[in-house]
PDB file of all heavy atoms in Angstrom:
ATOM      1  N   LEU A   1       0.824  -1.214   0.000  1.00  0.00           N
ATOM      2  CA  LEU A   1       0.000   0.000   0.000  1.00  0.00           C
ATOM      3  C   LEU A   1       0.856   1.262   0.000  1.00  0.00           C
ATOM      4  O   LEU A   1       0.497   2.270  -0.627  1.00  0.00           O
ATOM      5  CB  LEU A   1      -0.935  -0.013   1.211  1.00  0.00           C
ATOM      6  CG  LEU A   1      -2.080  -1.032   1.145  1.00  0.00           C
ATOM      7  CD1 LEU A   1      -2.721  -1.213   2.512  1.00  0.00           C
ATOM      8  CD2 LEU A   1      -3.126  -0.613   0.109  1.00  0.00           C
ATOM      9  N   ILE A   2       1.991   1.234   0.683  1.00  0.00           N
ATOM     10  CA  ILE A   2       2.906   2.379   0.659  1.00  0.00           C
ATOM     11  C   ILE A   2       3.551   2.507  -0.706  1.00  0.00           C
ATOM     12  O   ILE A   2       3.613   3.596  -1.292  1.00  0.00           O
ATOM     13  CB  ILE A   2       3.973   2.237   1.762  1.00  0.00           C
ATOM     14  CG1 ILE A   2       3.341   2.413   3.146  1.00  0.00           C
ATOM     15  CG2 ILE A   2       5.093   3.271   1.565  1.00  0.00           C
ATOM     16  CD1 ILE A   2       4.268   2.056   4.301  1.00  0.00           C
ATOM     17  N   ARG A   3       4.034   1.399  -1.251  1.00  0.00           N
ATOM     18  CA  ARG A   3       4.681   1.437  -2.568  1.00  0.00           C
ATOM     19  C   ARG A   3       3.733   1.937  -3.654  1.00  0.00           C
ATOM     20  O   ARG A   3       4.136   2.652  -4.567  1.00  0.00           O
ATOM     21  CB  ARG A   3       5.198   0.049  -2.939  1.00  0.00           C
ATOM     22  CG  ARG A   3       6.451  -0.388  -2.184  1.00  0.00           C
ATOM     23  CD  ARG A   3       6.920  -1.746  -2.686  1.00  0.00           C
ATOM     24  NE  ARG A   3       7.080  -1.707  -4.141  1.00  0.00           N
ATOM     25  CZ  ARG A   3       6.922  -2.771  -4.942  1.00  0.00           C
ATOM     26  NH1 ARG A   3       6.561  -3.944  -4.434  1.00  0.00           N
ATOM     27  NH2 ARG A   3       7.095  -2.649  -6.238  1.00  0.00           N
ATOM     28  N   ALA A   4       2.453   1.557  -3.551  1.00  0.00           N
ATOM     29  CA  ALA A   4       1.478   1.941  -4.578  1.00  0.00           C
ATOM     30  C   ALA A   4       0.874   3.318  -4.331  1.00  0.00           C
ATOM     31  O   ALA A   4       0.083   3.802  -5.143  1.00  0.00           O
ATOM     32  CB  ALA A   4       0.369   0.898  -4.661  1.00  0.00           C
ATOM     33  N   GLY A   5       1.219   3.957  -3.215  1.00  0.00           N
ATOM     34  CA  GLY A   5       0.736   5.314  -2.949  1.00  0.00           C
ATOM     35  C   GLY A   5      -0.648   5.394  -2.331  1.00  0.00           C
ATOM     36  O   GLY A   5      -1.322   6.416  -2.449  1.00  0.00           O
ATOM     37  N   TYR A   6      -1.064   4.332  -1.620  1.00  0.00           N
ATOM     38  CA  TYR A   6      -2.386   4.332  -0.990  1.00  0.00           C
ATOM     39  C   TYR A   6      -2.349   4.916   0.417  1.00  0.00           C
ATOM     40  O   TYR A   6      -3.322   5.509   0.868  1.00  0.00           O
ATOM     41  CB  TYR A   6      -2.937   2.910  -0.919  1.00  0.00           C
ATOM     42  CG  TYR A   6      -3.466   2.386  -2.229  1.00  0.00           C
ATOM     43  CD1 TYR A   6      -2.619   1.805  -3.172  1.00  0.00           C
ATOM     44  CD2 TYR A   6      -4.821   2.454  -2.530  1.00  0.00           C
ATOM     45  CE1 TYR A   6      -3.096   1.316  -4.371  1.00  0.00           C
ATOM     46  CE2 TYR A   6      -5.321   1.970  -3.722  1.00  0.00           C
ATOM     47  CZ  TYR A   6      -4.452   1.408  -4.647  1.00  0.00           C
ATOM     48  OH  TYR A   6      -4.936   0.939  -5.840  1.00  0.00           O
ATOM     49  N   ILE A   7      -1.256   4.686   1.125  1.00  0.00           N
ATOM     50  CA  ILE A   7      -1.158   5.132   2.517  1.00  0.00           C
ATOM     51  C   ILE A   7       0.222   5.729   2.773  1.00  0.00           C
ATOM     52  O   ILE A   7       1.164   5.522   1.999  1.00  0.00           O
ATOM     53  CB  ILE A   7      -1.399   3.979   3.520  1.00  0.00           C
ATOM     54  CG1 ILE A   7      -0.315   2.898   3.371  1.00  0.00           C
ATOM     55  CG2 ILE A   7      -2.791   3.393   3.352  1.00  0.00           C
ATOM     56  CD1 ILE A   7      -0.393   1.790   4.427  1.00  0.00           C
ATOM     57  N   HIS A   8       0.317   6.478   3.876  1.00  0.00           N
ATOM     58  CA  HIS A   8       1.593   7.033   4.338  1.00  0.00           C
ATOM     59  C   HIS A   8       1.776   6.629   5.792  1.00  0.00           C
ATOM     60  O   HIS A   8       0.857   6.779   6.610  1.00  0.00           O
ATOM     61  CB  HIS A   8       1.596   8.560   4.233  1.00  0.00           C
ATOM     62  CG  HIS A   8       2.733   9.209   4.977  1.00  0.00           C
ATOM     63  ND1 HIS A   8       4.015   9.218   4.496  1.00  0.00           N
ATOM     64  CD2 HIS A   8       2.763   9.849   6.177  1.00  0.00           C
ATOM     65  CE1 HIS A   8       4.799   9.845   5.359  1.00  0.00           C
ATOM     66  NE2 HIS A   8       4.064  10.232   6.386  1.00  0.00           N
ATOM     67  N   LYS A   9       2.948   6.105   6.123  1.00  0.00           N
ATOM     68  CA  LYS A   9       3.219   5.687   7.492  1.00  0.00           C
ATOM     69  C   LYS A   9       3.691   6.883   8.308  1.00  0.00           C
ATOM     70  O   LYS A   9       4.748   7.458   8.038  1.00  0.00           O
ATOM     71  CB  LYS A   9       4.274   4.583   7.514  1.00  0.00           C
ATOM     72  CG  LYS A   9       4.523   4.010   8.906  1.00  0.00           C
ATOM     73  CD  LYS A   9       5.495   2.841   8.845  1.00  0.00           C
ATOM     74  CE  LYS A   9       5.657   2.202  10.222  1.00  0.00           C
ATOM     75  NZ  LYS A   9       6.544   1.026  10.176  1.00  0.00           N
ATOM     76  N   GLU A  10       2.874   7.238   9.299  1.00  0.00           N
ATOM     77  CA  GLU A  10       3.217   8.354  10.177  1.00  0.00           C
ATOM     78  C   GLU A  10       4.180   7.880  11.268  1.00  0.00           C
ATOM     79  O   GLU A  10       5.157   8.541  11.582  1.00  0.00           O
ATOM     80  CB  GLU A  10       1.951   8.924  10.801  1.00  0.00           C
ATOM     81  CG  GLU A  10       2.135  10.255  11.504  1.00  0.00           C
ATOM     82  CD  GLU A  10       2.438  11.386  10.542  1.00  0.00           C
ATOM     83  OE1 GLU A  10       2.042  11.309   9.363  1.00  0.00           O
ATOM     84  OE2 GLU A  10       3.097  12.352  10.966  1.00  0.00           O
ATOM     85  N   MET A  11       3.843   6.737  11.839  1.00  0.00           N
ATOM     86  CA  MET A  11       4.677   6.077  12.848  1.00  0.00           C
ATOM     87  C   MET A  11       4.160   4.659  12.974  1.00  0.00           C
ATOM     88  O   MET A  11       3.173   4.291  12.322  1.00  0.00           O
ATOM     89  CB  MET A  11       4.601   6.817  14.195  1.00  0.00           C
ATOM     90  CG  MET A  11       3.221   6.856  14.815  1.00  0.00           C
ATOM     91  SD  MET A  11       3.104   7.873  16.310  1.00  0.00           S
ATOM     92  CE  MET A  11       3.025   9.516  15.575  1.00  0.00           C
ATOM     93  N   ALA A  12       4.801   3.835  13.788  1.00  0.00           N
ATOM     94  CA  ALA A  12       4.373   2.445  13.933  1.00  0.00           C
ATOM     95  C   ALA A  12       2.910   2.375  14.360  1.00  0.00           C
ATOM     96  O   ALA A  12       2.523   2.957  15.374  1.00  0.00           O
ATOM     97  CB  ALA A  12       5.246   1.730  14.956  1.00  0.00           C
ATOM     98  N   GLY A  13       2.090   1.689  13.565  1.00  0.00           N
ATOM     99  CA  GLY A  13       0.681   1.514  13.891  1.00  0.00           C
ATOM    100  C   GLY A  13      -0.200   2.699  13.570  1.00  0.00           C
ATOM    101  O   GLY A  13      -1.390   2.688  13.903  1.00  0.00           O
ATOM    102  N   VAL A  14       0.343   3.723  12.903  1.00  0.00           N
ATOM    103  CA  VAL A  14      -0.432   4.933  12.577  1.00  0.00           C
ATOM    104  C   VAL A  14      -0.186   5.279  11.116  1.00  0.00           C
ATOM    105  O   VAL A  14       0.956   5.562  10.719  1.00  0.00           O
ATOM    106  CB  VAL A  14      -0.043   6.121  13.474  1.00  0.00           C
ATOM    107  CG1 VAL A  14      -0.896   7.341  13.146  1.00  0.00           C
ATOM    108  CG2 VAL A  14      -0.184   5.749  14.952  1.00  0.00           C
ATOM    109  N   TYR A  15      -1.258   5.275  10.314  1.00  0.00           N
ATOM    110  CA  TYR A  15      -1.146   5.480   8.869  1.00  0.00           C
ATOM    111  C   TYR A  15      -2.146   6.525   8.386  1.00  0.00           C
ATOM    112  O   TYR A  15      -3.291   6.552   8.843  1.00  0.00           O
ATOM    113  CB  TYR A  15      -1.398   4.164   8.117  1.00  0.00           C
ATOM    114  CG  TYR A  15      -0.388   3.085   8.433  1.00  0.00           C
ATOM    115  CD1 TYR A  15      -0.581   2.233   9.528  1.00  0.00           C
ATOM    116  CD2 TYR A  15       0.754   2.921   7.670  1.00  0.00           C
ATOM    117  CE1 TYR A  15       0.333   1.249   9.841  1.00  0.00           C
ATOM    118  CE2 TYR A  15       1.678   1.930   7.959  1.00  0.00           C
ATOM    119  CZ  TYR A  15       1.471   1.098   9.050  1.00  0.00           C
ATOM    120  OH  TYR A  15       2.391   0.126   9.356  1.00  0.00           O
ATOM    121  N   ALA A  16      -1.697   7.359   7.459  1.00  0.00           N
ATOM    122  CA  ALA A  16      -2.582   8.299   6.776  1.00  0.00           C
ATOM    123  C   ALA A  16      -3.073   7.648   5.487  1.00  0.00           C
ATOM    124  O   ALA A  16      -2.322   6.936   4.816  1.00  0.00           O
ATOM    125  CB  ALA A  16      -1.840   9.602   6.459  1.00  0.00           C
ATOM    126  N   PHE A  17      -4.330   7.895   5.137  1.00  0.00           N
ATOM    127  CA  PHE A  17      -4.898   7.354   3.906  1.00  0.00           C
ATOM    128  C   PHE A  17      -4.881   8.446   2.835  1.00  0.00           C
ATOM    129  O   PHE A  17      -5.493   9.505   3.000  1.00  0.00           O
ATOM    130  CB  PHE A  17      -6.314   6.825   4.159  1.00  0.00           C
ATOM    131  CG  PHE A  17      -6.320   5.545   4.928  1.00  0.00           C
ATOM    132  CD1 PHE A  17      -6.180   5.548   6.313  1.00  0.00           C
ATOM    133  CD2 PHE A  17      -6.427   4.329   4.287  1.00  0.00           C
ATOM    134  CE1 PHE A  17      -6.149   4.362   7.040  1.00  0.00           C
ATOM    135  CE2 PHE A  17      -6.400   3.134   4.997  1.00  0.00           C
ATOM    136  CZ  PHE A  17      -6.259   3.152   6.372  1.00  0.00           C
ATOM    137  N   LEU A  18      -4.178   8.163   1.753  1.00  0.00           N
ATOM    138  CA  LEU A  18      -4.004   9.098   0.648  1.00  0.00           C
ATOM    139  C   LEU A  18      -5.164   8.937  -0.333  1.00  0.00           C
ATOM    140  O   LEU A  18      -6.047   8.099  -0.114  1.00  0.00           O
ATOM    141  CB  LEU A  18      -2.637   8.846   0.014  1.00  0.00           C
ATOM    142  CG  LEU A  18      -1.465   8.920   1.020  1.00  0.00           C
ATOM    143  CD1 LEU A  18      -0.136   8.590   0.342  1.00  0.00           C
ATOM    144  CD2 LEU A  18      -1.402  10.272   1.715  1.00  0.00           C
ATOM    145  N   PRO A  19      -5.229   9.739  -1.413  1.00  0.00           N
ATOM    146  CA  PRO A  19      -6.429   9.723  -2.271  1.00  0.00           C
ATOM    147  C   PRO A  19      -6.908   8.335  -2.701  1.00  0.00           C
ATOM    148  O   PRO A  19      -8.099   8.024  -2.584  1.00  0.00           O
ATOM    149  CB  PRO A  19      -6.002  10.573  -3.467  1.00  0.00           C
ATOM    150  CG  PRO A  19      -5.065  11.570  -2.879  1.00  0.00           C
ATOM    151  CD  PRO A  19      -4.290  10.806  -1.837  1.00  0.00           C
ATOM    152  N   LEU A  20      -6.009   7.494  -3.198  1.00  0.00           N
ATOM    153  CA  LEU A  20      -6.435   6.165  -3.635  1.00  0.00           C
ATOM    154  C   LEU A  20      -6.877   5.312  -2.451  1.00  0.00           C
ATOM    155  O   LEU A  20      -7.879   4.595  -2.514  1.00  0.00           O
ATOM    156  CB  LEU A  20      -5.303   5.462  -4.389  1.00  0.00           C
ATOM    157  CG  LEU A  20      -4.864   6.090  -5.719  1.00  0.00           C
ATOM    158  CD1 LEU A  20      -3.704   5.285  -6.321  1.00  0.00           C
ATOM    159  CD2 LEU A  20      -6.021   6.150  -6.709  1.00  0.00           C
ATOM    160  N   GLY A  21      -6.133   5.383  -1.352  1.00  0.00           N
ATOM    161  CA  GLY A  21      -6.476   4.598  -0.168  1.00  0.00           C
ATOM    162  C   GLY A  21      -7.797   5.003   0.441  1.00  0.00           C
ATOM    163  O   GLY A  21      -8.578   4.155   0.898  1.00  0.00           O
ATOM    164  N   LEU A  22      -8.059   6.304   0.453  1.00  0.00           N
ATOM    165  CA  LEU A  22      -9.321   6.788   1.018  1.00  0.00           C
ATOM    166  C   LEU A  22     -10.500   6.319   0.178  1.00  0.00           C
ATOM    167  O   LEU A  22     -11.563   5.987   0.716  1.00  0.00           O
ATOM    168  CB  LEU A  22      -9.309   8.312   1.116  1.00  0.00           C
ATOM    169  CG  LEU A  22     -10.534   8.941   1.788  1.00  0.00           C
ATOM    170  CD1 LEU A  22     -10.693   8.445   3.219  1.00  0.00           C
ATOM    171  CD2 LEU A  22     -10.444  10.462   1.766  1.00  0.00           C
ATOM    172  N   ARG A  23     -10.334   6.262  -1.129  1.00  0.00           N
ATOM    173  CA  ARG A  23     -11.418   5.777  -1.989  1.00  0.00           C
ATOM    174  C   ARG A  23     -11.751   4.316  -1.668  1.00  0.00           C
ATOM    175  O   ARG A  23     -12.917   3.915  -1.635  1.00  0.00           O
ATOM    176  CB  ARG A  23     -11.052   5.926  -3.473  1.00  0.00           C
ATOM    177  CG  ARG A  23     -11.056   7.366  -3.963  1.00  0.00           C
ATOM    178  CD  ARG A  23     -10.719   7.433  -5.457  1.00  0.00           C
ATOM    179  NE  ARG A  23     -11.801   6.925  -6.271  1.00  0.00           N
ATOM    180  CZ  ARG A  23     -12.726   7.682  -6.879  1.00  0.00           C
ATOM    181  NH1 ARG A  23     -12.702   8.996  -6.736  1.00  0.00           N
ATOM    182  NH2 ARG A  23     -13.671   7.136  -7.617  1.00  0.00           N
ATOM    183  N   VAL A  24     -10.725   3.502  -1.432  1.00  0.00           N
ATOM    184  CA  VAL A  24     -10.968   2.104  -1.056  1.00  0.00           C
ATOM    185  C   VAL A  24     -11.715   2.044   0.265  1.00  0.00           C
ATOM    186  O   VAL A  24     -12.710   1.316   0.413  1.00  0.00           O
ATOM    187  CB  VAL A  24      -9.637   1.325  -0.945  1.00  0.00           C
ATOM    188  CG1 VAL A  24      -9.897  -0.095  -0.439  1.00  0.00           C
ATOM    189  CG2 VAL A  24      -8.928   1.280  -2.290  1.00  0.00           C
ATOM    190  N   LEU A  25     -11.248   2.801   1.234  1.00  0.00           N
ATOM    191  CA  LEU A  25     -11.870   2.811   2.561  1.00  0.00           C
ATOM    192  C   LEU A  25     -13.339   3.232   2.477  1.00  0.00           C
ATOM    193  O   LEU A  25     -14.212   2.639   3.120  1.00  0.00           O
ATOM    194  CB  LEU A  25     -11.092   3.761   3.471  1.00  0.00           C
ATOM    195  CG  LEU A  25     -11.057   3.464   4.969  1.00  0.00           C
ATOM    196  CD1 LEU A  25     -10.501   2.063   5.233  1.00  0.00           C
ATOM    197  CD2 LEU A  25     -10.217   4.503   5.683  1.00  0.00           C
ATOM    198  N   LYS A  26     -13.632   4.249   1.661  1.00  0.00           N
ATOM    199  CA  LYS A  26     -15.008   4.729   1.506  1.00  0.00           C
ATOM    200  C   LYS A  26     -15.881   3.700   0.793  1.00  0.00           C
ATOM    201  O   LYS A  26     -17.083   3.590   1.077  1.00  0.00           O
ATOM    202  CB  LYS A  26     -15.023   6.058   0.751  1.00  0.00           C
ATOM    203  CG  LYS A  26     -14.496   7.236   1.564  1.00  0.00           C
ATOM    204  CD  LYS A  26     -15.358   7.487   2.788  1.00  0.00           C
ATOM    205  CE  LYS A  26     -14.896   8.671   3.595  1.00  0.00           C
ATOM    206  NZ  LYS A  26     -15.708   8.878   4.822  1.00  0.00           N
ATOM    207  N   ASN A  27     -15.303   2.941  -0.137  1.00  0.00           N
ATOM    208  CA  ASN A  27     -16.073   1.896  -0.809  1.00  0.00           C
ATOM    209  C   ASN A  27     -16.441   0.776   0.165  1.00  0.00           C
ATOM    210  O   ASN A  27     -17.553   0.237   0.124  1.00  0.00           O
ATOM    211  CB  ASN A  27     -15.279   1.329  -1.987  1.00  0.00           C
ATOM    212  CG  ASN A  27     -15.224   2.292  -3.162  1.00  0.00           C
ATOM    213  OD1 ASN A  27     -16.049   3.202  -3.283  1.00  0.00           O
ATOM    214  ND2 ASN A  27     -14.240   2.127  -4.023  1.00  0.00           N
ATOM    215  N   ILE A  28     -15.502   0.415   1.041  1.00  0.00           N
ATOM    216  CA  ILE A  28     -15.799  -0.583   2.077  1.00  0.00           C
ATOM    217  C   ILE A  28     -16.885  -0.055   3.006  1.00  0.00           C
ATOM    218  O   ILE A  28     -17.836  -0.763   3.366  1.00  0.00           O
ATOM    219  CB  ILE A  28     -14.521  -0.938   2.862  1.00  0.00           C
ATOM    220  CG1 ILE A  28     -13.507  -1.640   1.951  1.00  0.00           C
ATOM    221  CG2 ILE A  28     -14.859  -1.821   4.067  1.00  0.00           C
ATOM    222  CD1 ILE A  28     -12.145  -1.859   2.581  1.00  0.00           C
ATOM    223  N   GLU A  29     -16.759   1.204   3.377  1.00  0.00           N
ATOM    224  CA  GLU A  29     -17.753   1.835   4.255  1.00  0.00           C
ATOM    225  C   GLU A  29     -19.137   1.811   3.611  1.00  0.00           C
ATOM    226  O   GLU A  29     -20.142   1.535   4.295  1.00  0.00           O
ATOM    227  CB  GLU A  29     -17.328   3.267   4.542  1.00  0.00           C
ATOM    228  CG  GLU A  29     -18.254   4.033   5.471  1.00  0.00           C
ATOM    229  CD  GLU A  29     -17.773   5.455   5.736  1.00  0.00           C
ATOM    230  OE1 GLU A  29     -16.599   5.622   6.098  1.00  0.00           O
ATOM    231  OE2 GLU A  29     -18.574   6.393   5.555  1.00  0.00           O
ATOM    232  N   HIS A  30     -19.205   2.076   2.323  1.00  0.00           N
ATOM    233  CA  HIS A  30     -20.492   2.090   1.613  1.00  0.00           C
ATOM    234  C   HIS A  30     -21.163   0.709   1.658  1.00  0.00           C
ATOM    235  O   HIS A  30     -22.378   0.602   1.908  1.00  0.00           O
ATOM    236  CB  HIS A  30     -20.282   2.528   0.163  1.00  0.00           C
ATOM    237  CG  HIS A  30     -21.507   2.458  -0.678  1.00  0.00           C
ATOM    238  ND1 HIS A  30     -22.562   3.339  -0.561  1.00  0.00           N
ATOM    239  CD2 HIS A  30     -21.873   1.574  -1.657  1.00  0.00           C
ATOM    240  CE1 HIS A  30     -23.510   3.035  -1.415  1.00  0.00           C
ATOM    241  NE2 HIS A  30     -23.122   1.958  -2.097  1.00  0.00           N
ATOM    242  N   ILE A  31     -20.365  -0.338   1.430  1.00  0.00           N
ATOM    243  CA  ILE A  31     -20.905  -1.702   1.463  1.00  0.00           C
ATOM    244  C   ILE A  31     -21.457  -2.024   2.848  1.00  0.00           C
ATOM    245  O   ILE A  31     -22.561  -2.551   3.000  1.00  0.00           O
ATOM    246  CB  ILE A  31     -19.809  -2.715   1.067  1.00  0.00           C
ATOM    247  CG1 ILE A  31     -19.505  -2.602  -0.432  1.00  0.00           C
ATOM    248  CG2 ILE A  31     -20.231  -4.142   1.417  1.00  0.00           C
ATOM    249  CD1 ILE A  31     -18.277  -3.383  -0.869  1.00  0.00           C
ATOM    250  N   ILE A  32     -20.687  -1.697   3.878  1.00  0.00           N
ATOM    251  CA  ILE A  32     -21.111  -2.001   5.244  1.00  0.00           C
ATOM    252  C   ILE A  32     -22.343  -1.181   5.628  1.00  0.00           C
ATOM    253  O   ILE A  32     -23.282  -1.712   6.244  1.00  0.00           O
ATOM    254  CB  ILE A  32     -19.958  -1.737   6.230  1.00  0.00           C
ATOM    255  CG1 ILE A  32     -18.795  -2.697   5.951  1.00  0.00           C
ATOM    256  CG2 ILE A  32     -20.438  -1.885   7.675  1.00  0.00           C
ATOM    257  CD1 ILE A  32     -17.557  -2.429   6.773  1.00  0.00           C
ATOM    258  N   ARG A  33     -22.365   0.089   5.241  1.00  0.00           N
ATOM    259  CA  ARG A  33     -23.516   0.941   5.578  1.00  0.00           C
ATOM    260  C   ARG A  33     -24.798   0.381   4.952  1.00  0.00           C
ATOM    261  O   ARG A  33     -25.860   0.340   5.605  1.00  0.00           O
ATOM    262  CB  ARG A  33     -23.286   2.375   5.100  1.00  0.00           C
ATOM    263  CG  ARG A  33     -24.489   3.296   5.416  1.00  0.00           C
ATOM    264  CD  ARG A  33     -24.281   4.706   4.912  1.00  0.00           C
ATOM    265  NE  ARG A  33     -23.251   5.391   5.693  1.00  0.00           N
ATOM    266  CZ  ARG A  33     -22.037   5.669   5.253  1.00  0.00           C
ATOM    267  NH1 ARG A  33     -21.680   5.308   4.013  1.00  0.00           N
ATOM    268  NH2 ARG A  33     -21.166   6.287   6.018  1.00  0.00           N
ATOM    269  N   GLU A  34     -24.727  -0.032   3.711  1.00  0.00           N
ATOM    270  CA  GLU A  34     -25.913  -0.610   3.058  1.00  0.00           C
ATOM    271  C   GLU A  34     -26.440  -1.813   3.840  1.00  0.00           C
ATOM    272  O   GLU A  34     -27.655  -1.953   4.037  1.00  0.00           O
ATOM    273  CB  GLU A  34     -25.562  -1.038   1.628  1.00  0.00           C
ATOM    274  CG  GLU A  34     -25.543   0.087   0.630  1.00  0.00           C
ATOM    275  CD  GLU A  34     -25.477  -0.419  -0.796  1.00  0.00           C
ATOM    276  OE1 GLU A  34     -24.938  -1.538  -1.018  1.00  0.00           O
ATOM    277  OE2 GLU A  34     -25.940   0.293  -1.710  1.00  0.00           O
ATOM    278  N   GLU A  35     -25.542  -2.680   4.283  1.00  0.00           N
ATOM    279  CA  GLU A  35     -25.968  -3.883   4.998  1.00  0.00           C
ATOM    280  C   GLU A  35     -26.497  -3.553   6.395  1.00  0.00           C
ATOM    281  O   GLU A  35     -27.466  -4.166   6.855  1.00  0.00           O
ATOM    282  CB  GLU A  35     -24.810  -4.882   5.087  1.00  0.00           C
ATOM    283  CG  GLU A  35     -24.424  -5.503   3.755  1.00  0.00           C
ATOM    284  CD  GLU A  35     -25.514  -6.361   3.153  1.00  0.00           C
ATOM    285  OE1 GLU A  35     -26.414  -6.805   3.903  1.00  0.00           O
ATOM    286  OE2 GLU A  35     -25.490  -6.590   1.930  1.00  0.00           O
ATOM    287  N   MET A  36     -25.889  -2.595   7.062  1.00  0.00           N
ATOM    288  CA  MET A  36     -26.369  -2.215   8.396  1.00  0.00           C
ATOM    289  C   MET A  36     -27.738  -1.541   8.315  1.00  0.00           C
ATOM    290  O   MET A  36     -28.616  -1.790   9.140  1.00  0.00           O
ATOM    291  CB  MET A  36     -25.368  -1.287   9.085  1.00  0.00           C
ATOM    292  CG  MET A  36     -24.018  -1.933   9.412  1.00  0.00           C
ATOM    293  SD  MET A  36     -24.119  -3.380  10.509  1.00  0.00           S
ATOM    294  CE  MET A  36     -24.084  -4.748   9.309  1.00  0.00           C
ATOM    295  N   ASN A  37     -27.915  -0.687   7.322  1.00  0.00           N
ATOM    296  CA  ASN A  37     -29.224  -0.041   7.141  1.00  0.00           C
ATOM    297  C   ASN A  37     -30.297  -1.068   6.799  1.00  0.00           C
ATOM    298  O   ASN A  37     -31.449  -0.946   7.232  1.00  0.00           O
ATOM    299  CB  ASN A  37     -29.147   1.021   6.049  1.00  0.00           C
ATOM    300  CG  ASN A  37     -28.340   2.240   6.468  1.00  0.00           C
ATOM    301  OD1 ASN A  37     -28.021   2.413   7.647  1.00  0.00           O
ATOM    302  ND2 ASN A  37     -27.996   3.092   5.516  1.00  0.00           N
ATOM    303  N   ALA A  38     -29.920  -2.084   6.024  1.00  0.00           N
ATOM    304  CA  ALA A  38     -30.891  -3.089   5.587  1.00  0.00           C
ATOM    305  C   ALA A  38     -31.440  -3.908   6.748  1.00  0.00           C
ATOM    306  O   ALA A  38     -32.552  -4.449   6.664  1.00  0.00           O
ATOM    307  CB  ALA A  38     -30.254  -4.018   4.550  1.00  0.00           C
TER     308      ALA A  38
END
């Protein structure tokens, strides 16, 4: 994920989500939200 530019390592166990990574995270969130609402 770091090599592909999805995340940035701030420190051990702490990561920032960059544009591509945030899109993945939001897509996962969308799937889960649909199922929880259902």
